[in-house]
Amino acid sequence: HLIYYEHTFRHAYENLLTNGLVAVAVVDRVAEK
C-alpha cells in the first residue's frame, strides 16, 4: 500500500470518488531510475 494526505479536494479527489483507479510515478532523475 501507498498512502497520501488529500487536502486540495480538487481533480484527483473528484476522480477518485468516481472510479479510484490510479497510477503513481516516482523517478530519481539523476539515476534515471
PDB file of all heavy atoms in Angstrom:
ATOM      1  N   HIS A   1       0.817  -1.214   0.000  1.00  0.00           N
ATOM      2  CA  HIS A   1       0.000   0.000   0.000  1.00  0.00           C
ATOM      3  C   HIS A   1       0.855   1.269   0.000  1.00  0.00           C
ATOM      4  O   HIS A   1       1.902   1.325   0.646  1.00  0.00           O
ATOM      5  CB  HIS A   1      -0.905   0.047   1.238  1.00  0.00           C
ATOM      6  CG  HIS A   1      -1.860  -1.075   1.303  1.00  0.00           C
ATOM      7  ND1 HIS A   1      -1.582  -2.244   1.968  1.00  0.00           N
ATOM      8  CD2 HIS A   1      -3.098  -1.223   0.774  1.00  0.00           C
ATOM      9  CE1 HIS A   1      -2.612  -3.065   1.856  1.00  0.00           C
ATOM     10  NE2 HIS A   1      -3.545  -2.473   1.132  1.00  0.00           N
ATOM     11  N   LEU A   2       0.342   2.272  -0.691  1.00  0.00           N
ATOM     12  CA  LEU A   2       0.872   3.632  -0.615  1.00  0.00           C
ATOM     13  C   LEU A   2      -0.169   4.467   0.114  1.00  0.00           C
ATOM     14  O   LEU A   2      -1.339   4.099   0.163  1.00  0.00           O
ATOM     15  CB  LEU A   2       1.112   4.208  -2.014  1.00  0.00           C
ATOM     16  CG  LEU A   2       2.075   3.445  -2.916  1.00  0.00           C
ATOM     17  CD1 LEU A   2       2.092   4.064  -4.313  1.00  0.00           C
ATOM     18  CD2 LEU A   2       3.470   3.432  -2.320  1.00  0.00           C
ATOM     19  N   ILE A   3       0.254   5.606   0.643  1.00  0.00           N
ATOM     20  CA  ILE A   3      -0.653   6.487   1.375  1.00  0.00           C
ATOM     21  C   ILE A   3      -0.291   7.937   1.053  1.00  0.00           C
ATOM     22  O   ILE A   3       0.877   8.247   0.825  1.00  0.00           O
ATOM     23  CB  ILE A   3      -0.562   6.230   2.902  1.00  0.00           C
ATOM     24  CG1 ILE A   3      -1.570   7.075   3.680  1.00  0.00           C
ATOM     25  CG2 ILE A   3       0.852   6.450   3.413  1.00  0.00           C
ATOM     26  CD1 ILE A   3      -1.628   6.736   5.180  1.00  0.00           C
ATOM     27  N   TYR A   4      -1.307   8.792   0.989  1.00  0.00           N
ATOM     28  CA  TYR A   4      -1.055  10.233   0.936  1.00  0.00           C
ATOM     29  C   TYR A   4      -2.197  10.969   1.601  1.00  0.00           C
ATOM     30  O   TYR A   4      -3.254  10.414   1.858  1.00  0.00           O
ATOM     31  CB  TYR A   4      -0.793  10.740  -0.496  1.00  0.00           C
ATOM     32  CG  TYR A   4      -1.997  10.928  -1.378  1.00  0.00           C
ATOM     33  CD1 TYR A   4      -2.676  12.148  -1.424  1.00  0.00           C
ATOM     34  CD2 TYR A   4      -2.435   9.912  -2.209  1.00  0.00           C
ATOM     35  CE1 TYR A   4      -3.775  12.329  -2.257  1.00  0.00           C
ATOM     36  CE2 TYR A   4      -3.524  10.092  -3.052  1.00  0.00           C
ATOM     37  CZ  TYR A   4      -4.185  11.300  -3.072  1.00  0.00           C
ATOM     38  OH  TYR A   4      -5.267  11.476  -3.890  1.00  0.00           O
ATOM     39  N   TYR A   5      -1.943  12.244   1.896  1.00  0.00           N
ATOM     40  CA  TYR A   5      -2.917  13.076   2.595  1.00  0.00           C
ATOM     41  C   TYR A   5      -3.516  14.057   1.593  1.00  0.00           C
ATOM     42  O   TYR A   5      -2.822  14.897   1.042  1.00  0.00           O
ATOM     43  CB  TYR A   5      -2.265  13.813   3.761  1.00  0.00           C
ATOM     44  CG  TYR A   5      -1.414  12.885   4.609  1.00  0.00           C
ATOM     45  CD1 TYR A   5      -0.106  13.209   4.929  1.00  0.00           C
ATOM     46  CD2 TYR A   5      -1.913  11.668   5.047  1.00  0.00           C
ATOM     47  CE1 TYR A   5       0.677  12.356   5.686  1.00  0.00           C
ATOM     48  CE2 TYR A   5      -1.133  10.804   5.797  1.00  0.00           C
ATOM     49  CZ  TYR A   5       0.147  11.151   6.110  1.00  0.00           C
ATOM     50  OH  TYR A   5       0.923  10.293   6.840  1.00  0.00           O
ATOM     51  N   GLU A   6      -4.792  13.928   1.346  1.00  0.00           N
ATOM     52  CA  GLU A   6      -5.507  14.791   0.406  1.00  0.00           C
ATOM     53  C   GLU A   6      -5.949  16.049   1.118  1.00  0.00           C
ATOM     54  O   GLU A   6      -6.557  15.986   2.189  1.00  0.00           O
ATOM     55  CB  GLU A   6      -6.720  14.047  -0.157  1.00  0.00           C
ATOM     56  CG  GLU A   6      -7.568  14.857  -1.096  1.00  0.00           C
ATOM     57  CD  GLU A   6      -6.812  15.316  -2.325  1.00  0.00           C
ATOM     58  OE1 GLU A   6      -6.213  14.480  -3.023  1.00  0.00           O
ATOM     59  OE2 GLU A   6      -6.824  16.539  -2.582  1.00  0.00           O
ATOM     60  N   HIS A   7      -5.632  17.215   0.529  1.00  0.00           N
ATOM     61  CA  HIS A   7      -6.033  18.466   1.161  1.00  0.00           C
ATOM     62  C   HIS A   7      -6.562  19.492   0.169  1.00  0.00           C
ATOM     63  O   HIS A   7      -7.133  20.499   0.564  1.00  0.00           O
ATOM     64  CB  HIS A   7      -4.883  19.082   1.971  1.00  0.00           C
ATOM     65  CG  HIS A   7      -3.666  19.358   1.158  1.00  0.00           C
ATOM     66  ND1 HIS A   7      -3.545  20.459   0.359  1.00  0.00           N
ATOM     67  CD2 HIS A   7      -2.527  18.643   1.018  1.00  0.00           C
ATOM     68  CE1 HIS A   7      -2.370  20.426  -0.248  1.00  0.00           C
ATOM     69  NE2 HIS A   7      -1.739  19.332   0.140  1.00  0.00           N
ATOM     70  N   THR A   8      -6.407  19.248  -1.143  1.00  0.00           N
ATOM     71  CA  THR A   8      -6.924  20.210  -2.121  1.00  0.00           C
ATOM     72  C   THR A   8      -8.369  19.902  -2.507  1.00  0.00           C
ATOM     73  O   THR A   8      -9.117  20.807  -2.848  1.00  0.00           O
ATOM     74  CB  THR A   8      -6.067  20.246  -3.398  1.00  0.00           C
ATOM     75  OG1 THR A   8      -6.132  18.969  -4.032  1.00  0.00           O
ATOM     76  CG2 THR A   8      -4.633  20.628  -3.073  1.00  0.00           C
ATOM     77  N   PHE A   9      -8.715  18.626  -2.489  1.00  0.00           N
ATOM     78  CA  PHE A   9     -10.083  18.182  -2.819  1.00  0.00           C
ATOM     79  C   PHE A   9     -10.531  18.687  -4.189  1.00  0.00           C
ATOM     80  O   PHE A   9     -11.668  19.113  -4.353  1.00  0.00           O
ATOM     81  CB  PHE A   9     -11.064  18.599  -1.718  1.00  0.00           C
ATOM     82  CG  PHE A   9     -10.761  17.924  -0.416  1.00  0.00           C
ATOM     83  CD1 PHE A   9      -9.970  18.557   0.536  1.00  0.00           C
ATOM     84  CD2 PHE A   9     -11.218  16.656  -0.147  1.00  0.00           C
ATOM     85  CE1 PHE A   9      -9.661  17.939   1.741  1.00  0.00           C
ATOM     86  CE2 PHE A   9     -10.916  16.018   1.050  1.00  0.00           C
ATOM     87  CZ  PHE A   9     -10.146  16.659   1.988  1.00  0.00           C
ATOM     88  N   ARG A  10      -9.633  18.598  -5.141  1.00  0.00           N
ATOM     89  CA  ARG A  10      -9.983  19.031  -6.499  1.00  0.00           C
ATOM     90  C   ARG A  10      -9.963  17.850  -7.452  1.00  0.00           C
ATOM     91  O   ARG A  10     -10.657  16.871  -7.227  1.00  0.00           O
ATOM     92  CB  ARG A  10      -9.056  20.160  -6.934  1.00  0.00           C
ATOM     93  CG  ARG A  10      -9.324  21.441  -6.133  1.00  0.00           C
ATOM     94  CD  ARG A  10      -8.825  22.672  -6.854  1.00  0.00           C
ATOM     95  NE  ARG A  10      -9.190  23.859  -6.114  1.00  0.00           N
ATOM     96  CZ  ARG A  10      -8.418  24.457  -5.214  1.00  0.00           C
ATOM     97  NH1 ARG A  10      -7.227  23.987  -4.933  1.00  0.00           N
ATOM     98  NH2 ARG A  10      -8.830  25.536  -4.590  1.00  0.00           N
ATOM     99  N   HIS A  11      -9.183  17.942  -8.521  1.00  0.00           N
ATOM    100  CA  HIS A  11      -9.244  16.972  -9.614  1.00  0.00           C
ATOM    101  C   HIS A  11      -9.017  15.531  -9.179  1.00  0.00           C
ATOM    102  O   HIS A  11      -9.848  14.663  -9.466  1.00  0.00           O
ATOM    103  CB  HIS A  11      -8.245  17.341 -10.714  1.00  0.00           C
ATOM    104  CG  HIS A  11      -8.496  18.691 -11.290  1.00  0.00           C
ATOM    105  ND1 HIS A  11      -7.566  19.685 -11.220  1.00  0.00           N
ATOM    106  CD2 HIS A  11      -9.574  19.214 -11.913  1.00  0.00           C
ATOM    107  CE1 HIS A  11      -8.046  20.766 -11.796  1.00  0.00           C
ATOM    108  NE2 HIS A  11      -9.271  20.513 -12.219  1.00  0.00           N
ATOM    109  N   ALA A  12      -7.902  15.262  -8.545  1.00  0.00           N
ATOM    110  CA  ALA A  12      -7.605  13.881  -8.147  1.00  0.00           C
ATOM    111  C   ALA A  12      -8.686  13.340  -7.215  1.00  0.00           C
ATOM    112  O   ALA A  12      -9.164  12.222  -7.392  1.00  0.00           O
ATOM    113  CB  ALA A  12      -6.231  13.796  -7.484  1.00  0.00           C
ATOM    114  N   TYR A  13      -9.058  14.124  -6.243  1.00  0.00           N
ATOM    115  CA  TYR A  13     -10.090  13.706  -5.279  1.00  0.00           C
ATOM    116  C   TYR A  13     -11.398  13.388  -5.993  1.00  0.00           C
ATOM    117  O   TYR A  13     -11.996  12.333  -5.769  1.00  0.00           O
ATOM    118  CB  TYR A  13     -10.285  14.816  -4.248  1.00  0.00           C
ATOM    119  CG  TYR A  13     -11.382  14.555  -3.249  1.00  0.00           C
ATOM    120  CD1 TYR A  13     -11.174  13.693  -2.179  1.00  0.00           C
ATOM    121  CD2 TYR A  13     -12.615  15.177  -3.367  1.00  0.00           C
ATOM    122  CE1 TYR A  13     -12.177  13.462  -1.252  1.00  0.00           C
ATOM    123  CE2 TYR A  13     -13.624  14.959  -2.446  1.00  0.00           C
ATOM    124  CZ  TYR A  13     -13.399  14.098  -1.388  1.00  0.00           C
ATOM    125  OH  TYR A  13     -14.391  13.873  -0.463  1.00  0.00           O
ATOM    126  N   GLU A  14     -11.835  14.278  -6.855  1.00  0.00           N
ATOM    127  CA  GLU A  14     -13.091  14.051  -7.590  1.00  0.00           C
ATOM    128  C   GLU A  14     -12.994  12.802  -8.459  1.00  0.00           C
ATOM    129  O   GLU A  14     -13.947  12.021  -8.538  1.00  0.00           O
ATOM    130  CB  GLU A  14     -13.435  15.281  -8.444  1.00  0.00           C
ATOM    131  CG  GLU A  14     -13.805  16.495  -7.635  1.00  0.00           C
ATOM    132  CD  GLU A  14     -15.076  16.309  -6.810  1.00  0.00           C
ATOM    133  OE1 GLU A  14     -15.991  15.595  -7.257  1.00  0.00           O
ATOM    134  OE2 GLU A  14     -15.156  16.883  -5.711  1.00  0.00           O
ATOM    135  N   ASN A  15     -11.852  12.615  -9.113  1.00  0.00           N
ATOM    136  CA  ASN A  15     -11.683  11.427  -9.948  1.00  0.00           C
ATOM    137  C   ASN A  15     -11.676  10.151  -9.121  1.00  0.00           C
ATOM    138  O   ASN A  15     -12.235   9.132  -9.529  1.00  0.00           O
ATOM    139  CB  ASN A  15     -10.400  11.538 -10.775  1.00  0.00           C
ATOM    140  CG  ASN A  15     -10.472  12.634 -11.813  1.00  0.00           C
ATOM    141  OD1 ASN A  15     -11.546  13.144 -12.128  1.00  0.00           O
ATOM    142  ND2 ASN A  15      -9.325  13.016 -12.341  1.00  0.00           N
ATOM    143  N   LEU A  16     -11.070  10.193  -7.954  1.00  0.00           N
ATOM    144  CA  LEU A  16     -11.044   9.017  -7.087  1.00  0.00           C
ATOM    145  C   LEU A  16     -12.437   8.657  -6.606  1.00  0.00           C
ATOM    146  O   LEU A  16     -12.763   7.477  -6.443  1.00  0.00           O
ATOM    147  CB  LEU A  16     -10.115   9.232  -5.898  1.00  0.00           C
ATOM    148  CG  LEU A  16      -8.637   9.359  -6.227  1.00  0.00           C
ATOM    149  CD1 LEU A  16      -7.826   9.563  -4.959  1.00  0.00           C
ATOM    150  CD2 LEU A  16      -8.149   8.174  -7.014  1.00  0.00           C
ATOM    151  N   LEU A  17     -13.267   9.662  -6.367  1.00  0.00           N
ATOM    152  CA  LEU A  17     -14.647   9.382  -5.975  1.00  0.00           C
ATOM    153  C   LEU A  17     -15.396   8.646  -7.078  1.00  0.00           C
ATOM    154  O   LEU A  17     -16.287   7.841  -6.803  1.00  0.00           O
ATOM    155  CB  LEU A  17     -15.383  10.684  -5.639  1.00  0.00           C
ATOM    156  CG  LEU A  17     -14.960  11.404  -4.369  1.00  0.00           C
ATOM    157  CD1 LEU A  17     -15.698  12.730  -4.246  1.00  0.00           C
ATOM    158  CD2 LEU A  17     -15.209  10.539  -3.145  1.00  0.00           C
ATOM    159  N   THR A  18     -15.018   8.903  -8.317  1.00  0.00           N
ATOM    160  CA  THR A  18     -15.687   8.288  -9.455  1.00  0.00           C
ATOM    161  C   THR A  18     -15.275   6.841  -9.679  1.00  0.00           C
ATOM    162  O   THR A  18     -16.117   5.975  -9.851  1.00  0.00           O
ATOM    163  CB  THR A  18     -15.393   9.098 -10.746  1.00  0.00           C
ATOM    164  OG1 THR A  18     -15.842  10.434 -10.538  1.00  0.00           O
ATOM    165  CG2 THR A  18     -16.101   8.506 -11.942  1.00  0.00           C
ATOM    166  N   ASN A  19     -13.936   6.579  -9.701  1.00  0.00           N
ATOM    167  CA  ASN A  19     -13.521   5.205 -10.027  1.00  0.00           C
ATOM    168  C   ASN A  19     -12.347   4.676  -9.213  1.00  0.00           C
ATOM    169  O   ASN A  19     -12.115   3.490  -9.209  1.00  0.00           O
ATOM    170  CB  ASN A  19     -13.228   5.065 -11.524  1.00  0.00           C
ATOM    171  CG  ASN A  19     -12.077   5.926 -11.970  1.00  0.00           C
ATOM    172  OD1 ASN A  19     -11.096   6.109 -11.265  1.00  0.00           O
ATOM    173  ND2 ASN A  19     -12.185   6.460 -13.178  1.00  0.00           N
ATOM    174  N   GLY A  20     -11.558   5.514  -8.577  1.00  0.00           N
ATOM    175  CA  GLY A  20     -10.480   5.067  -7.709  1.00  0.00           C
ATOM    176  C   GLY A  20      -9.249   4.532  -8.403  1.00  0.00           C
ATOM    177  O   GLY A  20      -8.291   4.147  -7.750  1.00  0.00           O
ATOM    178  N   LEU A  21      -9.232   4.498  -9.738  1.00  0.00           N
ATOM    179  CA  LEU A  21      -8.076   3.974 -10.448  1.00  0.00           C
ATOM    180  C   LEU A  21      -6.945   4.999 -10.449  1.00  0.00           C
ATOM    181  O   LEU A  21      -7.164   6.173 -10.737  1.00  0.00           O
ATOM    182  CB  LEU A  21      -8.453   3.612 -11.882  1.00  0.00           C
ATOM    183  CG  LEU A  21      -9.530   2.554 -12.021  1.00  0.00           C
ATOM    184  CD1 LEU A  21      -9.891   2.353 -13.493  1.00  0.00           C
ATOM    185  CD2 LEU A  21      -9.102   1.246 -11.382  1.00  0.00           C
ATOM    186  N   VAL A  22      -5.737   4.543 -10.111  1.00  0.00           N
ATOM    187  CA  VAL A  22      -4.592   5.444 -10.025  1.00  0.00           C
ATOM    188  C   VAL A  22      -3.330   4.806 -10.594  1.00  0.00           C
ATOM    189  O   VAL A  22      -3.216   3.585 -10.664  1.00  0.00           O
ATOM    190  CB  VAL A  22      -4.294   5.882  -8.570  1.00  0.00           C
ATOM    191  CG1 VAL A  22      -5.454   6.619  -7.960  1.00  0.00           C
ATOM    192  CG2 VAL A  22      -3.895   4.705  -7.719  1.00  0.00           C
ATOM    193  N   ALA A  23      -2.408   5.681 -10.947  1.00  0.00           N
ATOM    194  CA  ALA A  23      -1.031   5.295 -11.232  1.00  0.00           C
ATOM    195  C   ALA A  23      -0.161   6.325 -10.524  1.00  0.00           C
ATOM    196  O   ALA A  23      -0.503   7.512 -10.478  1.00  0.00           O
ATOM    197  CB  ALA A  23      -0.739   5.291 -12.727  1.00  0.00           C
ATOM    198  N   VAL A  24       0.930   5.877  -9.952  1.00  0.00           N
ATOM    199  CA  VAL A  24       1.881   6.758  -9.281  1.00  0.00           C
ATOM    200  C   VAL A  24       3.235   6.544  -9.936  1.00  0.00           C
ATOM    201  O   VAL A  24       3.707   5.413 -10.035  1.00  0.00           O
ATOM    202  CB  VAL A  24       1.982   6.444  -7.769  1.00  0.00           C
ATOM    203  CG1 VAL A  24       3.086   7.267  -7.123  1.00  0.00           C
ATOM    204  CG2 VAL A  24       0.651   6.673  -7.080  1.00  0.00           C
ATOM    205  N   ALA A  25       3.851   7.627 -10.396  1.00  0.00           N
ATOM    206  CA  ALA A  25       5.194   7.560 -10.971  1.00  0.00           C
ATOM    207  C   ALA A  25       6.166   8.233 -10.011  1.00  0.00           C
ATOM    208  O   ALA A  25       5.912   9.338  -9.537  1.00  0.00           O
ATOM    209  CB  ALA A  25       5.230   8.252 -12.330  1.00  0.00           C
ATOM    210  N   VAL A  26       7.257   7.538  -9.744  1.00  0.00           N
ATOM    211  CA  VAL A  26       8.309   8.049  -8.869  1.00  0.00           C
ATOM    212  C   VAL A  26       9.631   7.797  -9.578  1.00  0.00           C
ATOM    213  O   VAL A  26       9.931   6.664  -9.935  1.00  0.00           O
ATOM    214  CB  VAL A  26       8.301   7.330  -7.502  1.00  0.00           C
ATOM    215  CG1 VAL A  26       9.376   7.900  -6.596  1.00  0.00           C
ATOM    216  CG2 VAL A  26       6.950   7.418  -6.849  1.00  0.00           C
ATOM    217  N   VAL A  27      10.415   8.870  -9.789  1.00  0.00           N
ATOM    218  CA  VAL A  27      11.656   8.736 -10.546  1.00  0.00           C
ATOM    219  C   VAL A  27      12.782   9.500  -9.866  1.00  0.00           C
ATOM    220  O   VAL A  27      12.580  10.607  -9.383  1.00  0.00           O
ATOM    221  CB  VAL A  27      11.473   9.268 -11.989  1.00  0.00           C
ATOM    222  CG1 VAL A  27      12.767   9.199 -12.775  1.00  0.00           C
ATOM    223  CG2 VAL A  27      10.371   8.505 -12.708  1.00  0.00           C
ATOM    224  N   ASP A  28      13.943   8.882  -9.855  1.00  0.00           N
ATOM    225  CA  ASP A  28      15.168   9.550  -9.442  1.00  0.00           C
ATOM    226  C   ASP A  28      15.816  10.073 -10.721  1.00  0.00           C
ATOM    227  O   ASP A  28      16.347   9.299 -11.519  1.00  0.00           O
ATOM    228  CB  ASP A  28      16.095   8.567  -8.731  1.00  0.00           C
ATOM    229  CG  ASP A  28      17.379   9.211  -8.239  1.00  0.00           C
ATOM    230  OD1 ASP A  28      17.923  10.095  -8.936  1.00  0.00           O
ATOM    231  OD2 ASP A  28      17.849   8.816  -7.165  1.00  0.00           O
ATOM    232  N   ARG A  29      15.728  11.382 -10.932  1.00  0.00           N
ATOM    233  CA  ARG A  29      16.200  11.977 -12.188  1.00  0.00           C
ATOM    234  C   ARG A  29      17.691  11.753 -12.405  1.00  0.00           C
ATOM    235  O   ARG A  29      18.122  11.462 -13.519  1.00  0.00           O
ATOM    236  CB  ARG A  29      15.878  13.464 -12.208  1.00  0.00           C
ATOM    237  CG  ARG A  29      16.279  14.134 -13.497  1.00  0.00           C
ATOM    238  CD  ARG A  29      15.649  15.505 -13.627  1.00  0.00           C
ATOM    239  NE  ARG A  29      16.167  16.233 -14.740  1.00  0.00           N
ATOM    240  CZ  ARG A  29      15.760  16.095 -15.998  1.00  0.00           C
ATOM    241  NH1 ARG A  29      14.826  15.219 -16.277  1.00  0.00           N
ATOM    242  NH2 ARG A  29      16.277  16.808 -16.955  1.00  0.00           N
ATOM    243  N   VAL A  30      18.485  11.884 -11.373  1.00  0.00           N
ATOM    244  CA  VAL A  30      19.932  11.731 -11.501  1.00  0.00           C
ATOM    245  C   VAL A  30      20.286  10.294 -11.894  1.00  0.00           C
ATOM    246  O   VAL A  30      21.074  10.056 -12.810  1.00  0.00           O
ATOM    247  CB  VAL A  30      20.655  12.137 -10.194  1.00  0.00           C
ATOM    248  CG1 VAL A  30      22.134  11.839 -10.275  1.00  0.00           C
ATOM    249  CG2 VAL A  30      20.416  13.614  -9.906  1.00  0.00           C
ATOM    250  N   ALA A  31      19.694   9.324 -11.236  1.00  0.00           N
ATOM    251  CA  ALA A  31      19.988   7.917 -11.509  1.00  0.00           C
ATOM    252  C   ALA A  31      19.238   7.397 -12.734  1.00  0.00           C
ATOM    253  O   ALA A  31      19.553   6.312 -13.236  1.00  0.00           O
ATOM    254  CB  ALA A  31      19.631   7.067 -10.290  1.00  0.00           C
ATOM    255  N   GLU A  32      18.245   8.162 -13.212  1.00  0.00           N
ATOM    256  CA  GLU A  32      17.394   7.751 -14.330  1.00  0.00           C
ATOM    257  C   GLU A  32      16.754   6.390 -14.067  1.00  0.00           C
ATOM    258  O   GLU A  32      16.691   5.522 -14.931  1.00  0.00           O
ATOM    259  CB  GLU A  32      18.173   7.754 -15.644  1.00  0.00           C
ATOM    260  CG  GLU A  32      18.641   9.123 -16.052  1.00  0.00           C
ATOM    261  CD  GLU A  32      19.321   9.159 -17.404  1.00  0.00           C
ATOM    262  OE1 GLU A  32      19.851   8.114 -17.849  1.00  0.00           O
ATOM    263  OE2 GLU A  32      19.304  10.232 -18.018  1.00  0.00           O
ATOM    264  N   LYS A  33      16.267   6.241 -12.839  1.00  0.00           N
ATOM    265  CA  LYS A  33      15.581   5.017 -12.435  1.00  0.00           C
ATOM    266  C   LYS A  33      14.306   5.397 -11.701  1.00  0.00           C
ATOM    267  O   LYS A  33      14.267   6.392 -10.992  1.00  0.00           O
ATOM    268  CB  LYS A  33      16.453   4.162 -11.514  1.00  0.00           C
ATOM    269  CG  LYS A  33      17.678   3.609 -12.184  1.00  0.00           C
ATOM    270  CD  LYS A  33      18.456   2.722 -11.243  1.00  0.00           C
ATOM    271  CE  LYS A  33      19.682   2.145 -11.899  1.00  0.00           C
ATOM    272  NZ  LYS A  33      19.393   1.173 -12.925  1.00  0.00           N
TER     273      LYS A  33
END
